[in-house]
Protein backbone atom coordinates (compact mmCIF):
# COMPACT_ATOMS: atom_id res chain seq x y z
CA UNK A 1 98.32 78.03 124.30
CA UNK A 2 97.63 79.57 120.88
CA UNK A 3 96.89 83.26 120.94
CA UNK A 4 94.73 85.18 118.52
CA UNK A 5 96.35 88.09 116.75
CA UNK A 6 94.93 91.06 118.73
CA UNK A 7 94.14 92.89 115.49
CA UNK A 8 91.98 89.96 114.39
CA UNK A 9 89.84 90.16 117.52
CA UNK A 10 87.80 93.11 116.32
CA UNK A 11 84.26 93.78 115.14
CA UNK A 12 85.88 95.65 112.23
CA UNK A 13 86.25 92.35 110.34
CA UNK A 14 82.54 91.48 110.63
CA UNK A 15 79.49 92.90 108.86
CA UNK A 16 77.88 93.81 112.19
CA UNK A 17 78.32 93.59 115.96
CA UNK A 18 76.00 90.58 116.30
CA UNK A 19 78.04 88.45 113.91
CA UNK A 20 81.18 89.41 115.82
CA UNK A 21 79.58 88.33 119.11
CA UNK A 22 78.34 85.08 117.50
CA UNK A 23 81.85 84.33 116.24
CA UNK A 24 83.32 84.97 119.69
CA UNK A 25 80.77 82.58 121.24
CA UNK A 26 81.60 79.90 118.65
CA UNK A 27 85.32 80.31 119.32
CA UNK A 28 84.72 79.82 123.05
CA UNK A 29 82.84 76.59 122.27
CA UNK A 30 85.57 75.34 119.94
CA UNK A 31 88.24 76.07 122.52
CA UNK A 32 86.55 73.51 124.79
CA UNK A 33 86.06 70.69 122.24
CA UNK A 34 88.65 68.05 121.37
CA UNK A 35 89.47 64.39 121.69
CA UNK A 36 91.86 65.19 124.56
CA UNK A 37 89.23 67.08 126.54
CA UNK A 38 91.48 70.15 126.60
CA UNK A 39 90.08 71.72 123.46
CA UNK A 40 92.23 74.11 121.51
CA UNK A 41 93.86 75.25 124.74
CA UNK A 42 96.53 72.58 124.18
CA UNK A 43 96.75 71.94 120.43
CA UNK A 44 99.07 69.36 118.89
CA UNK A 45 102.25 70.64 117.31
CA UNK A 46 102.41 70.18 113.54
CA UNK A 47 105.58 68.13 114.05
CA UNK A 48 103.57 65.65 116.15
CA UNK A 49 101.11 64.91 113.32
CA UNK A 50 102.32 61.89 111.37
CA UNK A 51 101.41 60.83 107.85
CA UNK A 52 99.33 58.07 109.42
CA UNK A 53 97.45 60.72 111.42
CA UNK A 54 96.83 62.78 108.27
CA UNK A 55 94.89 59.89 106.74
CA UNK A 56 92.13 60.61 109.28
CA UNK A 57 91.65 64.21 108.13
CA UNK A 58 89.23 65.12 105.34
CA UNK A 59 90.95 68.47 104.68
CA UNK A 60 93.21 71.14 106.09
CA UNK A 61 92.50 74.82 106.77
CA UNK A 62 95.02 77.67 107.01
CA UNK A 63 93.47 80.68 108.78
CA UNK A 64 94.36 84.29 108.16
CA UNK A 65 95.84 86.92 110.42
CA UNK A 66 99.54 87.64 110.67
CA UNK A 67 100.39 84.34 112.39
CA UNK A 68 100.76 82.39 109.10
CA UNK A 69 103.37 84.83 107.75
CA UNK A 70 105.33 84.61 111.00
CA UNK A 71 104.77 81.00 112.10
CA UNK A 72 103.91 78.96 108.98
CA UNK A 73 105.61 80.60 105.99
CA UNK A 74 108.93 78.91 106.83
CA UNK A 75 107.61 75.89 108.74
CA UNK A 76 108.62 72.58 107.14
CA UNK A 77 105.84 70.68 108.91
CA UNK A 78 103.22 73.04 107.53
CA UNK A 79 104.70 72.38 104.09
CA UNK A 80 104.71 68.62 104.73
CA UNK A 81 101.02 68.70 105.63
CA UNK A 82 100.07 70.90 102.66
CA UNK A 83 102.09 68.60 100.39
CA UNK A 84 100.24 65.56 101.69
CA UNK A 85 96.82 67.09 100.98
CA UNK A 86 97.95 68.30 97.54
CA UNK A 87 99.29 64.84 96.66
CA UNK A 88 96.12 63.09 97.89
CA UNK A 89 93.89 65.70 96.18
CA UNK A 90 92.13 66.41 99.47
CA UNK A 91 90.61 69.82 100.27
CA UNK A 92 92.92 72.64 101.32
CA UNK A 93 91.42 75.93 102.45
CA UNK A 94 93.41 79.11 103.04
CA UNK A 95 92.13 82.62 103.62
CA UNK A 96 93.73 86.05 103.92
CA UNK A 97 97.38 85.46 104.98
CA UNK A 98 96.70 81.70 105.32
CA UNK A 99 98.22 80.75 101.93
CA UNK A 100 101.60 81.54 103.53
CA UNK A 101 101.22 78.09 105.10
CA UNK A 102 101.57 76.58 101.62
CA UNK A 103 104.92 78.20 100.85
CA UNK A 104 107.14 75.36 102.11
CA UNK A 105 105.16 72.59 100.40
CA UNK A 106 107.00 70.46 97.86
CA UNK A 107 106.18 67.42 95.76
CA UNK A 108 108.27 64.29 95.17
CA UNK A 109 110.40 66.21 92.64
CA UNK A 110 111.10 68.88 95.28
CA UNK A 111 108.95 71.39 93.36
CA UNK A 112 106.15 73.55 94.72
CA UNK A 113 102.90 71.60 94.07
CA UNK A 114 100.78 74.73 93.50
CA UNK A 115 102.56 76.04 90.40
CA UNK A 116 99.92 77.31 87.98
CA UNK A 117 97.10 77.18 90.54
CA UNK A 118 94.60 80.02 90.47
CA UNK A 119 94.36 81.51 93.97
CA UNK A 120 93.84 84.65 95.99
CA UNK A 121 95.19 86.00 99.27
CA UNK A 122 95.56 89.24 101.22
CA UNK A 123 96.85 91.52 98.48
CA UNK A 124 100.06 93.52 98.50
CA UNK A 125 97.90 96.64 98.21
CA UNK A 126 95.87 95.69 101.31
CA UNK A 127 99.11 94.92 103.14
CA UNK A 128 100.58 98.33 102.28
CA UNK A 129 97.41 100.05 103.51
CA UNK A 130 97.62 98.16 106.80
CA UNK A 131 101.32 98.94 107.18
CA UNK A 132 100.50 102.65 106.96
CA UNK A 133 97.59 102.24 109.38
CA UNK A 134 99.62 100.15 111.86
CA UNK A 135 102.89 102.02 111.29
CA UNK A 136 104.90 98.85 110.82
CA UNK A 137 106.14 96.36 108.25
CA UNK A 138 105.33 92.71 107.75
CA UNK A 139 108.07 90.12 107.19
CA UNK A 140 106.72 89.13 103.77
CA UNK A 141 103.99 89.88 101.27
CA UNK A 142 101.96 86.71 100.69
CA UNK A 143 100.86 87.76 97.19
CA UNK A 144 104.46 88.34 96.06
CA UNK A 145 105.69 85.08 97.59
CA UNK A 146 102.94 83.05 95.91
CA UNK A 147 103.59 84.66 92.52
CA UNK A 148 107.35 84.09 92.90
CA UNK A 149 106.66 80.37 93.37
CA UNK A 150 104.44 80.21 90.27
CA UNK A 151 100.88 80.72 91.52
CA UNK A 152 98.41 82.69 89.42
CA UNK A 153 97.17 85.16 92.03
CA UNK A 154 93.99 87.08 91.23
CA UNK A 155 92.98 89.75 93.73
CA UNK A 156 90.18 92.29 93.82
CA UNK A 157 90.05 95.75 95.31
CA UNK A 158 90.40 95.89 99.10
CA UNK A 159 87.22 95.00 101.00
CA UNK A 160 85.76 93.24 97.93
CA UNK A 161 84.88 89.57 98.58
CA UNK A 162 86.89 87.13 96.50
CA UNK A 163 87.06 83.34 96.74
CA UNK A 164 88.69 81.04 94.20
CA UNK A 165 88.51 77.26 93.80
CA UNK A 166 91.20 75.52 91.77
CA UNK A 167 91.32 71.72 91.91
CA UNK A 168 91.38 70.86 95.64
CA UNK A 169 92.40 74.36 96.82
CA UNK A 170 89.95 77.02 98.03
CA UNK A 171 91.35 80.46 98.81
CA UNK A 172 89.75 83.65 100.07
CA UNK A 173 91.26 87.12 99.78
CA UNK A 174 90.35 88.55 103.18
CA UNK A 175 87.72 88.48 105.96
CA UNK A 176 85.03 89.92 103.69
CA UNK A 177 85.41 86.78 101.57
CA UNK A 178 84.47 84.43 104.44
CA UNK A 179 80.85 83.65 103.38
CA UNK A 180 81.78 82.67 99.82
CA UNK A 181 85.04 80.99 100.87
CA UNK A 182 83.33 78.96 103.60
CA UNK A 183 80.54 77.75 101.32
CA UNK A 184 83.00 76.58 98.68
CA UNK A 185 85.35 74.94 101.18
CA UNK A 186 82.49 73.07 102.88
CA UNK A 187 81.33 71.84 99.45
CA UNK A 188 84.79 70.41 98.77
CA UNK A 189 84.96 68.84 102.23
CA UNK A 190 81.53 67.24 101.79
CA UNK A 191 82.45 65.91 98.33
CA UNK A 192 85.74 64.53 99.66
CA UNK A 193 84.03 62.87 102.62
CA UNK A 194 81.49 61.23 100.27
CA UNK A 195 84.17 59.97 97.86
């Protein structure tokens, strides 16, 4: 069963206690919904999702938290899925550490398909602040990795909302970017569904 990063399960990331409680209630609902009847309690492995299956999806979303830098940054299936959506020009959303899920993507020429894309993510500066606060180190800095692969990363000061749309990719810097990020991602999903 997937587990939420304990640091992500905190009212700290929400504007107020009510929104935190609302989000927790929504998560409980989502955990119970799925075509298998088991909800998100028993999710499919990325390796089990075929190209044929991907044709049924309007878009893909990479959430934040530390899981993407641990579980997705080196995952070939995450890269395969991101590559599919990039190639088909379908919506891709990634927030906070989520863009780490794009790192293993490659196009038919074995090149990273997001070279030159404008994007944002949890900044190196925010990561360093959290490392001091948590007294630990992360395995990689998403901002540095994206820049090394050729992305044009544009970040704001910590706690400042920041969402960027470039082609079919919507990125958000951190949790405070959720309202703007969500609105832009839903717009792309709606446009893609109508196309």
